[in-house]
């Protein structure tokens, strides 16, 4: 069960492209940028993920990115999740992120899993909520 909510952000898809279309399985890459808060600190986030449509109509996605603060703190992340298409044309993603923080106020994130809800709209707008899972 997810624990305490530790972050949220809003942003936008900045680009998409087809990476492969072999054997009836399309692989699509998407990049996004967002801003919000993580553990109470203002942050900017940018990432790229690849998604594959599976036989049951759901998506499997794998991505990576970087989070920065105005004071120069940097975290990298890697995550995976499952997506479901929404009626209006977006995708609701649920999964886990794993952070790597070298210094600053985020070292505690390196040793935990962070569950995410990442929702995309047909317009390209994105929202995310992050929950600590220890």
C-alpha atoms as a PDB file:
ATOM      1  CA  UNK A   1       0.000   0.000   0.000  1.00  0.00           C
ATOM      2  CA  UNK A   2       1.370   3.438  -0.831  1.00  0.00           C
ATOM      3  CA  UNK A   3       2.604   5.540   2.023  1.00  0.00           C
ATOM      4  CA  UNK A   4       2.795   9.273   2.433  1.00  0.00           C
ATOM      5  CA  UNK A   5       2.496  11.486  -0.649  1.00  0.00           C
ATOM      6  CA  UNK A   6       5.940  13.055  -1.105  1.00  0.00           C
ATOM      7  CA  UNK A   7       5.547  14.904  -4.377  1.00  0.00           C
ATOM      8  CA  UNK A   8       3.432  16.206  -7.203  1.00  0.00           C
ATOM      9  CA  UNK A   9       4.007  17.984 -10.469  1.00  0.00           C
ATOM     10  CA  UNK A  10       2.299  19.363 -13.537  1.00  0.00           C
ATOM     11  CA  UNK A  11       3.798  19.610 -16.981  1.00  0.00           C
ATOM     12  CA  UNK A  12       3.511  18.795 -20.625  1.00  0.00           C
ATOM     13  CA  UNK A  13       4.571  16.204 -23.201  1.00  0.00           C
ATOM     14  CA  UNK A  14       7.309  17.898 -25.244  1.00  0.00           C
ATOM     15  CA  UNK A  15       7.746  15.319 -28.000  1.00  0.00           C
ATOM     16  CA  UNK A  16       6.737  11.901 -29.251  1.00  0.00           C
ATOM     17  CA  UNK A  17       8.108   9.566 -31.890  1.00  0.00           C
ATOM     18  CA  UNK A  18       7.658   6.017 -33.126  1.00  0.00           C
ATOM     19  CA  UNK A  19      10.760   3.978 -32.262  1.00  0.00           C
ATOM     20  CA  UNK A  20       9.660   0.679 -33.806  1.00  0.00           C
ATOM     21  CA  UNK A  21       6.622  -0.842 -35.481  1.00  0.00           C
ATOM     22  CA  UNK A  22       7.644  -4.456 -36.003  1.00  0.00           C
ATOM     23  CA  UNK A  23       5.374  -7.461 -35.689  1.00  0.00           C
ATOM     24  CA  UNK A  24       2.313  -5.416 -34.818  1.00  0.00           C
ATOM     25  CA  UNK A  25       3.886  -4.014 -31.637  1.00  0.00           C
ATOM     26  CA  UNK A  26       4.410  -0.282 -31.799  1.00  0.00           C
ATOM     27  CA  UNK A  27       7.074   1.193 -29.519  1.00  0.00           C
ATOM     28  CA  UNK A  28       6.573   4.915 -28.877  1.00  0.00           C
ATOM     29  CA  UNK A  29       8.980   7.279 -27.130  1.00  0.00           C
ATOM     30  CA  UNK A  30       7.711  10.346 -25.299  1.00  0.00           C
ATOM     31  CA  UNK A  31       9.500  13.159 -23.492  1.00  0.00           C
ATOM     32  CA  UNK A  32       8.034  15.504 -20.900  1.00  0.00           C
ATOM     33  CA  UNK A  33       8.929  18.457 -18.698  1.00  0.00           C
ATOM     34  CA  UNK A  34       7.224  19.414 -15.474  1.00  0.00           C
ATOM     35  CA  UNK A  35       7.502  21.417 -12.283  1.00  0.00           C
ATOM     36  CA  UNK A  36       6.205  20.835  -8.793  1.00  0.00           C
ATOM     37  CA  UNK A  37       7.421  19.814  -5.374  1.00  0.00           C
ATOM     38  CA  UNK A  38       9.312  16.829  -4.001  1.00  0.00           C
ATOM     39  CA  UNK A  39       9.572  16.443  -0.232  1.00  0.00           C
ATOM     40  CA  UNK A  40       8.458  20.063   0.091  1.00  0.00           C
ATOM     41  CA  UNK A  41      11.136  21.517  -2.222  1.00  0.00           C
ATOM     42  CA  UNK A  42      10.310  23.144  -5.563  1.00  0.00           C
ATOM     43  CA  UNK A  43      11.657  21.000  -8.413  1.00  0.00           C
ATOM     44  CA  UNK A  44      11.797  20.727 -12.179  1.00  0.00           C
ATOM     45  CA  UNK A  45      11.615  17.311 -13.804  1.00  0.00           C
ATOM     46  CA  UNK A  46      12.312  16.133 -17.323  1.00  0.00           C
ATOM     47  CA  UNK A  47      12.222  12.602 -18.616  1.00  0.00           C
ATOM     48  CA  UNK A  48      11.788  10.252 -21.510  1.00  0.00           C
ATOM     49  CA  UNK A  49       9.963   6.959 -21.578  1.00  0.00           C
ATOM     50  CA  UNK A  50       9.253   4.222 -24.076  1.00  0.00           C
ATOM     51  CA  UNK A  51       5.924   2.430 -24.150  1.00  0.00           C
ATOM     52  CA  UNK A  52       4.740  -0.737 -25.853  1.00  0.00           C
ATOM     53  CA  UNK A  53       1.112  -1.662 -26.471  1.00  0.00           C
ATOM     54  CA  UNK A  54       0.531  -5.169 -25.141  1.00  0.00           C
ATOM     55  CA  UNK A  55      -1.905  -7.798 -26.443  1.00  0.00           C
ATOM     56  CA  UNK A  56      -4.529  -6.923 -23.791  1.00  0.00           C
ATOM     57  CA  UNK A  57      -4.527  -3.233 -24.828  1.00  0.00           C
ATOM     58  CA  UNK A  58      -2.544  -1.984 -21.834  1.00  0.00           C
ATOM     59  CA  UNK A  59       0.854  -0.317 -22.142  1.00  0.00           C
ATOM     60  CA  UNK A  60       4.159  -1.198 -20.533  1.00  0.00           C
ATOM     61  CA  UNK A  61       6.482   1.772 -20.082  1.00  0.00           C
ATOM     62  CA  UNK A  62      10.074   2.225 -18.999  1.00  0.00           C
ATOM     63  CA  UNK A  63      11.693   5.629 -18.516  1.00  0.00           C
ATOM     64  CA  UNK A  64      14.422   7.734 -17.032  1.00  0.00           C
ATOM     65  CA  UNK A  65      14.956  11.355 -16.159  1.00  0.00           C
ATOM     66  CA  UNK A  66      16.480  14.051 -14.027  1.00  0.00           C
ATOM     67  CA  UNK A  67      15.056  16.269 -11.290  1.00  0.00           C
ATOM     68  CA  UNK A  68      16.693  19.583 -10.353  1.00  0.00           C
ATOM     69  CA  UNK A  69      16.156  22.250  -7.719  1.00  0.00           C
ATOM     70  CA  UNK A  70      16.838  25.967  -7.949  1.00  0.00           C
ATOM     71  CA  UNK A  71      19.770  25.523  -5.549  1.00  0.00           C
ATOM     72  CA  UNK A  72      21.518  23.033  -7.838  1.00  0.00           C
ATOM     73  CA  UNK A  73      20.519  19.699  -6.306  1.00  0.00           C
ATOM     74  CA  UNK A  74      20.223  16.925  -8.908  1.00  0.00           C
ATOM     75  CA  UNK A  75      18.469  13.553  -8.738  1.00  0.00           C
ATOM     76  CA  UNK A  76      18.251  10.993 -11.483  1.00  0.00           C
ATOM     77  CA  UNK A  77      15.444   8.469 -11.741  1.00  0.00           C
ATOM     78  CA  UNK A  78      14.496   5.286 -13.515  1.00  0.00           C
ATOM     79  CA  UNK A  79      10.947   3.953 -13.534  1.00  0.00           C
ATOM     80  CA  UNK A  80       8.580   1.394 -14.992  1.00  0.00           C
ATOM     81  CA  UNK A  81       4.824   1.181 -15.082  1.00  0.00           C
ATOM     82  CA  UNK A  82       1.602   0.031 -16.691  1.00  0.00           C
ATOM     83  CA  UNK A  83      -0.660   2.396 -18.615  1.00  0.00           C
ATOM     84  CA  UNK A  84      -4.309   2.312 -19.572  1.00  0.00           C
ATOM     85  CA  UNK A  85      -5.873   4.425 -22.299  1.00  0.00           C
ATOM     86  CA  UNK A  86      -8.619   6.794 -21.153  1.00  0.00           C
ATOM     87  CA  UNK A  87     -11.847   7.524 -23.014  1.00  0.00           C
ATOM     88  CA  UNK A  88     -10.826  11.136 -23.869  1.00  0.00           C
ATOM     89  CA  UNK A  89      -7.510  10.017 -25.419  1.00  0.00           C
ATOM     90  CA  UNK A  90      -4.980  10.169 -22.599  1.00  0.00           C
ATOM     91  CA  UNK A  91      -3.177   7.485 -20.626  1.00  0.00           C
ATOM     92  CA  UNK A  92      -3.221   6.791 -16.881  1.00  0.00           C
ATOM     93  CA  UNK A  93       0.110   5.312 -15.719  1.00  0.00           C
ATOM     94  CA  UNK A  94       0.814   3.525 -12.421  1.00  0.00           C
ATOM     95  CA  UNK A  95       4.233   2.232 -11.439  1.00  0.00           C
ATOM     96  CA  UNK A  96       7.428   2.735  -9.453  1.00  0.00           C
ATOM     97  CA  UNK A  97      10.375   5.111  -9.649  1.00  0.00           C
ATOM     98  CA  UNK A  98      13.834   4.567  -8.198  1.00  0.00           C
ATOM     99  CA  UNK A  99      15.886   7.698  -7.483  1.00  0.00           C
ATOM    100  CA  UNK A 100      19.633   8.211  -7.237  1.00  0.00           C
ATOM    101  CA  UNK A 101      20.751  11.268  -5.264  1.00  0.00           C
ATOM    102  CA  UNK A 102      24.412  12.100  -4.732  1.00  0.00           C
ATOM    103  CA  UNK A 103      23.989  14.911  -2.217  1.00  0.00           C
ATOM    104  CA  UNK A 104      21.581  17.499  -0.901  1.00  0.00           C
ATOM    105  CA  UNK A 105      18.318  16.923   0.872  1.00  0.00           C
ATOM    106  CA  UNK A 106      17.187  13.930  -1.166  1.00  0.00           C
ATOM    107  CA  UNK A 107      19.647  11.169  -0.143  1.00  0.00           C
ATOM    108  CA  UNK A 108      16.841   9.320   1.650  1.00  0.00           C
ATOM    109  CA  UNK A 109      15.082   8.697  -1.669  1.00  0.00           C
ATOM    110  CA  UNK A 110      17.928   6.490  -2.901  1.00  0.00           C
ATOM    111  CA  UNK A 111      16.989   3.608  -0.600  1.00  0.00           C
ATOM    112  CA  UNK A 112      13.243   3.438  -1.247  1.00  0.00           C
ATOM    113  CA  UNK A 113      10.706   2.758  -3.971  1.00  0.00           C
ATOM    114  CA  UNK A 114       8.456   5.647  -4.953  1.00  0.00           C
ATOM    115  CA  UNK A 115       5.071   4.752  -6.400  1.00  0.00           C
ATOM    116  CA  UNK A 116       3.672   7.074  -9.025  1.00  0.00           C
ATOM    117  CA  UNK A 117       0.410   8.049 -10.661  1.00  0.00           C
ATOM    118  CA  UNK A 118       1.237   9.791 -13.940  1.00  0.00           C
ATOM    119  CA  UNK A 119      -1.719  10.900 -16.036  1.00  0.00           C
ATOM    120  CA  UNK A 120      -1.533  12.301 -19.531  1.00  0.00           C
ATOM    121  CA  UNK A 121      -4.307  14.179 -21.316  1.00  0.00           C
ATOM    122  CA  UNK A 122      -5.029  14.232 -25.033  1.00  0.00           C
ATOM    123  CA  UNK A 123      -3.902  17.892 -24.971  1.00  0.00           C
ATOM    124  CA  UNK A 124      -0.401  16.858 -23.831  1.00  0.00           C
ATOM    125  CA  UNK A 125      -0.830  18.088 -20.250  1.00  0.00           C
ATOM    126  CA  UNK A 126       0.540  15.753 -17.547  1.00  0.00           C
ATOM    127  CA  UNK A 127       0.064  15.476 -13.794  1.00  0.00           C
ATOM    128  CA  UNK A 128       1.957  13.260 -11.375  1.00  0.00           C
ATOM    129  CA  UNK A 129       1.615  12.239  -7.745  1.00  0.00           C
ATOM    130  CA  UNK A 130       4.439  10.471  -5.898  1.00  0.00           C
ATOM    131  CA  UNK A 131       4.107   8.248  -2.820  1.00  0.00           C
ATOM    132  CA  UNK A 132       6.836   6.878  -0.567  1.00  0.00           C
ATOM    133  CA  UNK A 133       6.891   3.085  -0.296  1.00  0.00           C
ATOM    134  CA  UNK A 134       9.394   1.764   2.227  1.00  0.00           C
END
